[in-house]
Structure formats: structure tokens, C-alpha cells
Amino acid sequence: MSRELFWFGVVGVSAMLVHFGVVAWLLVPLGMAPLHANVLGFLIAFQVSYWGHRQQTFQARHIPHRQALPRFFGVACLSFVVNEAMYALLLRFTPLNYRAALLLVLIVVAALTFALSKLWAFRGPSTAQKLHRTP
């Protein structure tokens, strides 16, 4: 588990840096609108995140892409929505300042992303499913 958490952090920080770098590059030299640049940054960073978690964090090379890729994309999209909603709610309905609220959100969303990735997105078929498929 500690190996997985280490790699989850390394891959997550790498994806975040790619996301930030893509957005900065699209905004400054190219003049793209921030929200459009953010979507492209997310999509490119998603690739770093997917491949890093598949190869290193969860060592799920044996899980078919047709299973893991859409599942992990769903996890990433859900995490983004939870992040935005939770942050908005904390800012609106609690006395927390924006830094404390964001830190809380990032911790909760990281835990959610880790759990859903490990238990669903990069999980192989169960033993019962394997036995059912054998002739």
C-alpha cells in the first residue's frame, strides 16, 4: 500500500505540472481562453495520470485498455466535479478561508480518486468472474 501511495503522489504531481504547463503555454503565447485551455490541459494531463497509474501506481498492465481507460476517465471526471462542487459549497456555507477549504477538498478528492482507481478503474476481474469464464 505504501508503494502505491508513493507512486500515486508522484504520478499525481506529474499530471498536475503537465496540466499547469499546458494551460500556461496555451494562454500566454497562443492567447487561448482560460477555460478552453483548462479543458485541453486536463485532457493532456489525463494521459500522464492514466499511463502513470496503470504502469506504476497500480501495476495494472494486464487490465485491458477497453476496461481501464473509460473507467479511469470516469473517475477523473467525477473527481473534477466533486472538487468543484465541494469547494463551492465550503466557500459558500462555511467560515473556512479559500486556502483551508481548497486543502480540505484536495485531500478528500485525492482519497476518493485513489480508492475508486484501486477498487474499480484498475481492478481486474474477480476470482468468481474468472472461474465463470473458464470452459
C-alpha atoms as a PDB file:
ATOM      1  CA  MET A   1       0.000   0.000   0.000  1.00  0.00           C
ATOM      2  CA  SER A   2       2.799   2.469   0.811  1.00  0.00           C
ATOM      3  CA  ARG A   3       4.359   1.829  -2.619  1.00  0.00           C
ATOM      4  CA  GLU A   4       1.005   2.609  -4.233  1.00  0.00           C
ATOM      5  CA  LEU A   5       0.576   5.801  -2.225  1.00  0.00           C
ATOM      6  CA  PHE A   6       4.108   6.925  -3.124  1.00  0.00           C
ATOM      7  CA  TRP A   7       3.513   6.401  -6.848  1.00  0.00           C
ATOM      8  CA  PHE A   8       0.021   7.887  -6.621  1.00  0.00           C
ATOM      9  CA  GLY A   9       1.656  11.073  -5.324  1.00  0.00           C
ATOM     10  CA  VAL A  10       4.443  11.070  -7.924  1.00  0.00           C
ATOM     11  CA  VAL A  11       2.050  10.493 -10.810  1.00  0.00           C
ATOM     12  CA  GLY A  12      -0.466  12.990  -9.436  1.00  0.00           C
ATOM     13  CA  VAL A  13       2.110  15.756  -9.060  1.00  0.00           C
ATOM     14  CA  SER A  14       3.479  14.987 -12.541  1.00  0.00           C
ATOM     15  CA  ALA A  15       0.000  15.220 -14.068  1.00  0.00           C
ATOM     16  CA  MET A  16      -0.663  18.452 -12.193  1.00  0.00           C
ATOM     17  CA  LEU A  17       2.569  20.005 -13.512  1.00  0.00           C
ATOM     18  CA  VAL A  18       1.682  18.951 -17.063  1.00  0.00           C
ATOM     19  CA  HIS A  19      -1.824  20.392 -16.658  1.00  0.00           C
ATOM     20  CA  PHE A  20      -0.443  23.676 -15.355  1.00  0.00           C
ATOM     21  CA  GLY A  21       2.233  23.862 -18.041  1.00  0.00           C
ATOM     22  CA  VAL A  22      -0.184  23.187 -20.896  1.00  0.00           C
ATOM     23  CA  VAL A  23      -2.619  25.823 -19.638  1.00  0.00           C
ATOM     24  CA  ALA A  24       0.170  28.384 -19.220  1.00  0.00           C
ATOM     25  CA  TRP A  25       1.527  27.633 -22.690  1.00  0.00           C
ATOM     26  CA  LEU A  26      -1.904  27.880 -24.317  1.00  0.00           C
ATOM     27  CA  LEU A  27      -2.759  31.125 -22.519  1.00  0.00           C
ATOM     28  CA  VAL A  28       0.375  33.195 -22.839  1.00  0.00           C
ATOM     29  CA  PRO A  29       1.894  32.554 -26.265  1.00  0.00           C
ATOM     30  CA  LEU A  30      -1.276  31.395 -28.003  1.00  0.00           C
ATOM     31  CA  GLY A  31      -3.874  33.579 -26.277  1.00  0.00           C
ATOM     32  CA  MET A  32      -6.439  30.809 -25.809  1.00  0.00           C
ATOM     33  CA  ALA A  33      -9.341  31.459 -23.424  1.00  0.00           C
ATOM     34  CA  PRO A  34      -8.555  30.172 -19.904  1.00  0.00           C
ATOM     35  CA  LEU A  35     -11.488  27.768 -19.659  1.00  0.00           C
ATOM     36  CA  HIS A  36     -10.717  26.243 -23.064  1.00  0.00           C
ATOM     37  CA  ALA A  37      -7.049  25.930 -22.154  1.00  0.00           C
ATOM     38  CA  ASN A  38      -8.030  24.256 -18.879  1.00  0.00           C
ATOM     39  CA  VAL A  39     -10.032  21.576 -20.708  1.00  0.00           C
ATOM     40  CA  LEU A  40      -7.100  20.817 -23.009  1.00  0.00           C
ATOM     41  CA  GLY A  41      -4.731  20.828 -20.035  1.00  0.00           C
ATOM     42  CA  PHE A  42      -6.989  18.335 -18.249  1.00  0.00           C
ATOM     43  CA  LEU A  43      -7.144  16.040 -21.283  1.00  0.00           C
ATOM     44  CA  ILE A  44      -3.374  16.021 -21.777  1.00  0.00           C
ATOM     45  CA  ALA A  45      -2.676  15.622 -18.045  1.00  0.00           C
ATOM     46  CA  PHE A  46      -5.199  12.767 -18.001  1.00  0.00           C
ATOM     47  CA  GLN A  47      -2.870  10.826 -20.298  1.00  0.00           C
ATOM     48  CA  VAL A  48       0.028  11.266 -17.863  1.00  0.00           C
ATOM     49  CA  SER A  49      -2.217  10.225 -14.998  1.00  0.00           C
ATOM     50  CA  TYR A  50      -3.710   7.188 -16.764  1.00  0.00           C
ATOM     51  CA  TRP A  51      -0.413   5.774 -18.008  1.00  0.00           C
ATOM     52  CA  GLY A  52       1.413   6.527 -14.769  1.00  0.00           C
ATOM     53  CA  HIS A  53      -1.218   4.908 -12.580  1.00  0.00           C
ATOM     54  CA  ARG A  54      -1.627   1.969 -14.955  1.00  0.00           C
ATOM     55  CA  GLN A  55       2.114   1.281 -15.164  1.00  0.00           C
ATOM     56  CA  GLN A  56       3.412   2.334 -11.740  1.00  0.00           C
ATOM     57  CA  THR A  57       0.805   3.023  -9.083  1.00  0.00           C
ATOM     58  CA  PHE A  58      -1.487   0.032  -9.569  1.00  0.00           C
ATOM     59  CA  GLN A  59       0.715  -2.049 -11.904  1.00  0.00           C
ATOM     60  CA  ALA A  60      -2.367  -2.893 -13.969  1.00  0.00           C
ATOM     61  CA  ARG A  61      -0.737  -3.632 -17.334  1.00  0.00           C
ATOM     62  CA  HIS A  62      -2.786  -6.839 -17.501  1.00  0.00           C
ATOM     63  CA  ILE A  63      -6.117  -4.967 -17.393  1.00  0.00           C
ATOM     64  CA  PRO A  64      -7.394  -4.318 -20.937  1.00  0.00           C
ATOM     65  CA  HIS A  65      -7.430  -0.666 -22.011  1.00  0.00           C
ATOM     66  CA  ARG A  66     -11.050  -1.019 -23.124  1.00  0.00           C
ATOM     67  CA  GLN A  67     -11.888  -1.628 -19.450  1.00  0.00           C
ATOM     68  CA  ALA A  68      -9.427   0.575 -17.551  1.00  0.00           C
ATOM     69  CA  LEU A  69      -9.339   3.661 -19.785  1.00  0.00           C
ATOM     70  CA  PRO A  70     -13.060   4.564 -19.715  1.00  0.00           C
ATOM     71  CA  ARG A  71     -13.301   3.678 -16.045  1.00  0.00           C
ATOM     72  CA  PHE A  72     -10.365   5.876 -15.095  1.00  0.00           C
ATOM     73  CA  PHE A  73     -11.666   8.699 -17.297  1.00  0.00           C
ATOM     74  CA  GLY A  74     -14.948   8.447 -15.375  1.00  0.00           C
ATOM     75  CA  VAL A  75     -13.051   8.574 -12.082  1.00  0.00           C
ATOM     76  CA  ALA A  76     -11.086  11.635 -13.264  1.00  0.00           C
ATOM     77  CA  CYS A  77     -14.250  13.433 -14.406  1.00  0.00           C
ATOM     78  CA  LEU A  78     -16.111  12.567 -11.198  1.00  0.00           C
ATOM     79  CA  SER A  79     -13.149  13.807  -9.159  1.00  0.00           C
ATOM     80  CA  PHE A  80     -13.182  17.113 -11.024  1.00  0.00           C
ATOM     81  CA  VAL A  81     -16.931  17.568 -10.446  1.00  0.00           C
ATOM     82  CA  VAL A  82     -16.644  16.659  -6.739  1.00  0.00           C
ATOM     83  CA  ASN A  83     -13.702  19.048  -6.428  1.00  0.00           C
ATOM     84  CA  GLU A  84     -15.632  21.974  -7.896  1.00  0.00           C
ATOM     85  CA  ALA A  85     -18.876  21.245  -6.033  1.00  0.00           C
ATOM     86  CA  MET A  86     -17.261  20.648  -2.665  1.00  0.00           C
ATOM     87  CA  TYR A  87     -15.071  23.743  -2.991  1.00  0.00           C
ATOM     88  CA  ALA A  88     -18.067  25.904  -3.923  1.00  0.00           C
ATOM     89  CA  LEU A  89     -20.104  24.549  -1.007  1.00  0.00           C
ATOM     90  CA  LEU A  90     -17.311  25.057   1.519  1.00  0.00           C
ATOM     91  CA  LEU A  91     -16.708  28.600   0.316  1.00  0.00           C
ATOM     92  CA  ARG A  92     -20.408  29.434   0.426  1.00  0.00           C
ATOM     93  CA  PHE A  93     -21.541  27.715   3.624  1.00  0.00           C
ATOM     94  CA  THR A  94     -18.546  27.556   5.972  1.00  0.00           C
ATOM     95  CA  PRO A  95     -16.302  30.145   7.574  1.00  0.00           C
ATOM     96  CA  LEU A  96     -13.186  28.477   6.092  1.00  0.00           C
ATOM     97  CA  ASN A  97     -10.915  30.718   4.063  1.00  0.00           C
ATOM     98  CA  TYR A  98     -10.240  29.670   0.482  1.00  0.00           C
ATOM     99  CA  ARG A  99      -6.849  28.098   1.267  1.00  0.00           C
ATOM    100  CA  ALA A 100      -8.139  25.852   4.056  1.00  0.00           C
ATOM    101  CA  ALA A 101     -11.201  24.918   2.009  1.00  0.00           C
ATOM    102  CA  LEU A 102      -9.067  24.041  -1.006  1.00  0.00           C
ATOM    103  CA  LEU A 103      -6.660  21.957   1.077  1.00  0.00           C
ATOM    104  CA  LEU A 104      -9.579  20.002   2.550  1.00  0.00           C
ATOM    105  CA  VAL A 105     -11.080  19.481  -0.902  1.00  0.00           C
ATOM    106  CA  LEU A 106      -7.783  18.307  -2.386  1.00  0.00           C
ATOM    107  CA  ILE A 107      -7.261  15.766   0.405  1.00  0.00           C
ATOM    108  CA  VAL A 108     -10.798  14.377   0.109  1.00  0.00           C
ATOM    109  CA  VAL A 109     -10.705  14.233  -3.699  1.00  0.00           C
ATOM    110  CA  ALA A 110      -7.272  12.566  -3.722  1.00  0.00           C
ATOM    111  CA  ALA A 111      -8.542   9.888  -1.319  1.00  0.00           C
ATOM    112  CA  LEU A 112     -11.668   9.385  -3.446  1.00  0.00           C
ATOM    113  CA  THR A 113      -9.602   9.153  -6.632  1.00  0.00           C
ATOM    114  CA  PHE A 114      -7.180   6.668  -5.086  1.00  0.00           C
ATOM    115  CA  ALA A 115      -9.965   4.440  -3.757  1.00  0.00           C
ATOM    116  CA  LEU A 116     -12.022   4.439  -6.967  1.00  0.00           C
ATOM    117  CA  SER A 117      -8.921   3.863  -9.099  1.00  0.00           C
ATOM    118  CA  LYS A 118      -7.691   0.965  -6.982  1.00  0.00           C
ATOM    119  CA  LEU A 119     -11.038  -0.692  -6.318  1.00  0.00           C
ATOM    120  CA  TRP A 120     -12.692  -0.150  -9.699  1.00  0.00           C
ATOM    121  CA  ALA A 121     -10.819   1.518 -12.566  1.00  0.00           C
ATOM    122  CA  PHE A 122      -7.669  -0.626 -12.424  1.00  0.00           C
ATOM    123  CA  ARG A 123      -9.175  -3.709 -10.827  1.00  0.00           C
ATOM    124  CA  GLY A 124      -9.145  -6.930 -12.791  1.00  0.00           C
ATOM    125  CA  PRO A 125     -11.924  -9.465 -12.941  1.00  0.00           C
ATOM    126  CA  SER A 126     -12.793 -11.127  -9.649  1.00  0.00           C
ATOM    127  CA  THR A 127     -11.965 -14.771  -8.984  1.00  0.00           C
ATOM    128  CA  ALA A 128     -15.655 -15.650  -9.440  1.00  0.00           C
ATOM    129  CA  GLN A 129     -15.686 -13.962 -12.859  1.00  0.00           C
ATOM    130  CA  LYS A 130     -12.510 -15.824 -13.870  1.00  0.00           C
ATOM    131  CA  LEU A 131     -13.984 -19.160 -12.813  1.00  0.00           C
ATOM    132  CA  HIS A 132     -17.230 -18.438 -14.646  1.00  0.00           C
ATOM    133  CA  ARG A 133     -15.366 -17.775 -17.916  1.00  0.00           C
ATOM    134  CA  THR A 134     -13.307 -20.953 -17.930  1.00  0.00           C
ATOM    135  CA  PRO A 135     -14.766 -23.751 -20.050  1.00  0.00           C
END
